[in-house]
N, C-alpha and C. Protein backbone atom coordinates (compact mmCIF):
# COMPACT_ATOMS: atom_id res chain seq x y z
N MET A 1 8.76 36.08 16.31
CA MET A 1 7.69 35.14 16.47
C MET A 1 8.03 34.26 17.67
N GLN A 2 7.00 33.97 18.44
CA GLN A 2 7.20 33.14 19.66
C GLN A 2 6.86 31.67 19.42
N ASN A 3 7.64 30.84 20.02
CA ASN A 3 7.34 29.40 20.05
C ASN A 3 6.12 29.16 20.93
N GLN A 4 5.15 28.41 20.44
CA GLN A 4 3.99 28.09 21.20
C GLN A 4 3.90 26.56 21.33
N PRO A 5 4.64 25.97 22.24
CA PRO A 5 4.58 24.46 22.38
C PRO A 5 3.34 23.90 22.95
N ASP A 6 2.52 24.79 23.59
CA ASP A 6 1.34 24.30 24.28
C ASP A 6 0.18 24.00 23.35
N GLN A 7 0.23 24.52 22.08
CA GLN A 7 -0.90 24.28 21.15
C GLN A 7 -0.75 22.87 20.57
N PRO A 8 -1.86 22.11 20.44
CA PRO A 8 -1.87 20.86 19.85
C PRO A 8 -1.66 20.93 18.33
N ILE A 9 -1.05 19.92 17.67
CA ILE A 9 -0.85 19.99 16.29
C ILE A 9 -2.06 19.47 15.58
N SER A 10 -2.65 20.27 14.69
CA SER A 10 -3.83 19.89 13.95
C SER A 10 -3.38 19.27 12.64
N PHE A 11 -4.36 18.66 12.00
CA PHE A 11 -4.10 18.09 10.70
C PHE A 11 -3.70 19.14 9.67
N GLY A 12 -4.42 20.30 9.71
CA GLY A 12 -4.14 21.38 8.81
C GLY A 12 -2.71 21.93 9.00
N GLY A 13 -2.30 22.07 10.31
CA GLY A 13 -0.91 22.46 10.57
C GLY A 13 0.10 21.56 10.06
N LEU A 14 -0.19 20.22 10.24
CA LEU A 14 0.74 19.19 9.81
C LEU A 14 0.79 19.25 8.25
N LEU A 15 -0.36 19.47 7.64
CA LEU A 15 -0.32 19.55 6.13
C LEU A 15 0.41 20.70 5.64
N ARG A 16 0.22 21.87 6.34
CA ARG A 16 0.97 23.08 5.93
C ARG A 16 2.45 22.89 6.12
N TRP A 17 2.82 22.10 7.22
CA TRP A 17 4.24 21.89 7.41
C TRP A 17 4.76 20.92 6.34
N ALA A 18 4.01 19.98 5.93
CA ALA A 18 4.45 18.91 4.96
C ALA A 18 4.58 19.46 3.53
N ILE A 19 3.87 20.52 3.23
CA ILE A 19 3.99 21.00 1.84
C ILE A 19 4.93 22.08 1.59
N THR A 20 5.69 22.44 2.59
CA THR A 20 6.81 23.41 2.44
C THR A 20 7.92 22.73 1.68
N PRO A 21 8.72 23.41 0.86
CA PRO A 21 9.67 22.71 -0.04
C PRO A 21 10.64 21.72 0.62
N PRO A 22 11.35 21.97 1.69
CA PRO A 22 12.25 20.95 2.14
C PRO A 22 11.54 19.67 2.61
N GLN A 23 10.47 19.83 3.29
CA GLN A 23 9.70 18.65 3.82
C GLN A 23 8.93 18.00 2.75
N SER A 24 8.53 18.71 1.72
CA SER A 24 7.69 18.05 0.71
C SER A 24 8.51 17.06 -0.06
N TYR A 25 9.78 17.27 -0.28
CA TYR A 25 10.65 16.29 -1.00
C TYR A 25 10.71 15.01 -0.12
N VAL A 26 10.88 15.13 1.13
CA VAL A 26 10.96 13.95 2.02
C VAL A 26 9.61 13.21 2.03
N VAL A 27 8.54 14.00 2.17
CA VAL A 27 7.20 13.38 2.17
C VAL A 27 6.92 12.64 0.89
N TYR A 28 7.25 13.24 -0.28
CA TYR A 28 7.04 12.61 -1.52
C TYR A 28 7.91 11.30 -1.61
N PHE A 29 9.15 11.39 -1.22
CA PHE A 29 10.04 10.20 -1.29
C PHE A 29 9.49 9.11 -0.38
N LEU A 30 9.07 9.39 0.81
CA LEU A 30 8.42 8.34 1.72
C LEU A 30 7.18 7.78 1.08
N CYS A 31 6.41 8.62 0.41
CA CYS A 31 5.19 8.02 -0.22
C CYS A 31 5.53 7.07 -1.32
N VAL A 32 6.50 7.45 -2.16
CA VAL A 32 6.90 6.54 -3.21
C VAL A 32 7.48 5.27 -2.72
N VAL A 33 8.31 5.35 -1.64
CA VAL A 33 8.87 4.14 -1.06
C VAL A 33 7.76 3.27 -0.46
N LEU A 34 6.80 3.92 0.21
CA LEU A 34 5.69 3.18 0.84
C LEU A 34 4.86 2.46 -0.29
N VAL A 35 4.48 3.14 -1.28
CA VAL A 35 3.69 2.57 -2.45
C VAL A 35 4.50 1.43 -3.04
N GLY A 36 5.74 1.68 -3.31
CA GLY A 36 6.59 0.64 -3.94
C GLY A 36 6.71 -0.54 -3.03
N GLY A 37 6.97 -0.37 -1.82
CA GLY A 37 7.13 -1.45 -0.91
C GLY A 37 5.90 -2.29 -0.71
N LEU A 38 4.73 -1.57 -0.61
CA LEU A 38 3.46 -2.25 -0.46
C LEU A 38 3.11 -3.03 -1.76
N SER A 39 3.36 -2.51 -2.89
CA SER A 39 3.06 -3.17 -4.10
C SER A 39 3.99 -4.47 -4.32
N PHE A 40 5.24 -4.31 -3.95
CA PHE A 40 6.15 -5.43 -3.99
C PHE A 40 5.69 -6.49 -3.01
N TYR A 41 5.30 -6.12 -1.76
CA TYR A 41 4.84 -7.09 -0.86
C TYR A 41 3.56 -7.74 -1.28
N VAL A 42 2.61 -7.07 -1.83
CA VAL A 42 1.39 -7.68 -2.40
C VAL A 42 1.71 -8.61 -3.54
N GLY A 43 2.67 -8.28 -4.32
CA GLY A 43 3.06 -9.06 -5.48
C GLY A 43 3.71 -10.38 -5.11
N THR A 44 4.28 -10.46 -3.90
CA THR A 44 4.96 -11.63 -3.46
C THR A 44 4.03 -12.60 -2.71
N LEU A 45 2.85 -12.13 -2.43
CA LEU A 45 1.95 -12.98 -1.70
C LEU A 45 1.52 -14.14 -2.55
N LYS A 46 1.27 -15.32 -2.06
CA LYS A 46 0.82 -16.43 -2.82
C LYS A 46 -0.75 -16.35 -2.90
N PRO A 47 -1.24 -16.59 -4.11
CA PRO A 47 -2.66 -16.46 -4.31
C PRO A 47 -3.32 -17.75 -3.66
N ASN A 48 -4.58 -17.54 -3.17
CA ASN A 48 -5.31 -18.70 -2.58
C ASN A 48 -5.83 -19.51 -3.69
N ARG A 49 -5.58 -20.81 -3.69
CA ARG A 49 -5.98 -21.75 -4.72
C ARG A 49 -7.13 -22.60 -4.17
N HIS A 50 -8.24 -21.96 -3.85
CA HIS A 50 -9.41 -22.70 -3.41
C HIS A 50 -10.16 -23.27 -4.63
N PRO A 51 -10.52 -24.55 -4.47
CA PRO A 51 -11.28 -25.11 -5.54
C PRO A 51 -12.58 -24.42 -5.79
N THR A 52 -12.87 -24.24 -7.02
CA THR A 52 -14.20 -23.55 -7.34
C THR A 52 -15.36 -24.54 -7.20
N LEU A 53 -16.58 -23.99 -7.40
CA LEU A 53 -17.71 -24.86 -7.28
C LEU A 53 -17.87 -25.73 -8.50
N VAL A 54 -17.14 -25.57 -9.57
CA VAL A 54 -17.31 -26.39 -10.77
C VAL A 54 -16.54 -27.71 -10.58
N PRO A 55 -17.27 -28.83 -10.86
CA PRO A 55 -16.62 -30.10 -10.61
C PRO A 55 -15.42 -30.30 -11.61
N PRO A 56 -14.50 -31.14 -11.33
CA PRO A 56 -13.38 -31.30 -12.16
C PRO A 56 -13.81 -31.94 -13.42
N PRO A 57 -13.11 -31.76 -14.54
CA PRO A 57 -13.56 -32.33 -15.84
C PRO A 57 -13.43 -33.89 -15.77
N ALA A 58 -14.41 -34.53 -16.36
CA ALA A 58 -14.41 -35.98 -16.50
C ALA A 58 -13.32 -36.44 -17.40
N SER A 59 -12.60 -37.51 -17.01
CA SER A 59 -11.49 -37.95 -17.86
C SER A 59 -12.11 -38.71 -19.07
N ALA A 60 -11.46 -38.56 -20.14
CA ALA A 60 -11.97 -39.30 -21.38
C ALA A 60 -11.65 -40.76 -21.26
N PRO A 61 -12.54 -41.59 -21.72
CA PRO A 61 -12.28 -43.07 -21.68
C PRO A 61 -11.09 -43.45 -22.57
N HIS A 62 -10.32 -44.33 -22.00
CA HIS A 62 -9.10 -44.83 -22.78
C HIS A 62 -9.46 -45.93 -23.68
N SER A 63 -9.15 -45.80 -24.97
CA SER A 63 -9.48 -46.92 -25.85
C SER A 63 -8.31 -47.96 -25.82
N LYS A 64 -8.69 -49.20 -25.89
CA LYS A 64 -7.62 -50.27 -25.78
C LYS A 64 -7.25 -50.75 -27.15
């Protein structure tokens, strides 16, 4: 079989390369690390505490 370096890599060719057994383990591991890292990053973000359109509750009168 000849090497054909002049042909552009298509998405289908890349997909066929990625699902062969040695590469598929690495691709799966990278996907797990990426999803885990993104979920950790999103979990560490501070939520925005914007006041809602509801007015604050009125304080009860203090009896003397």
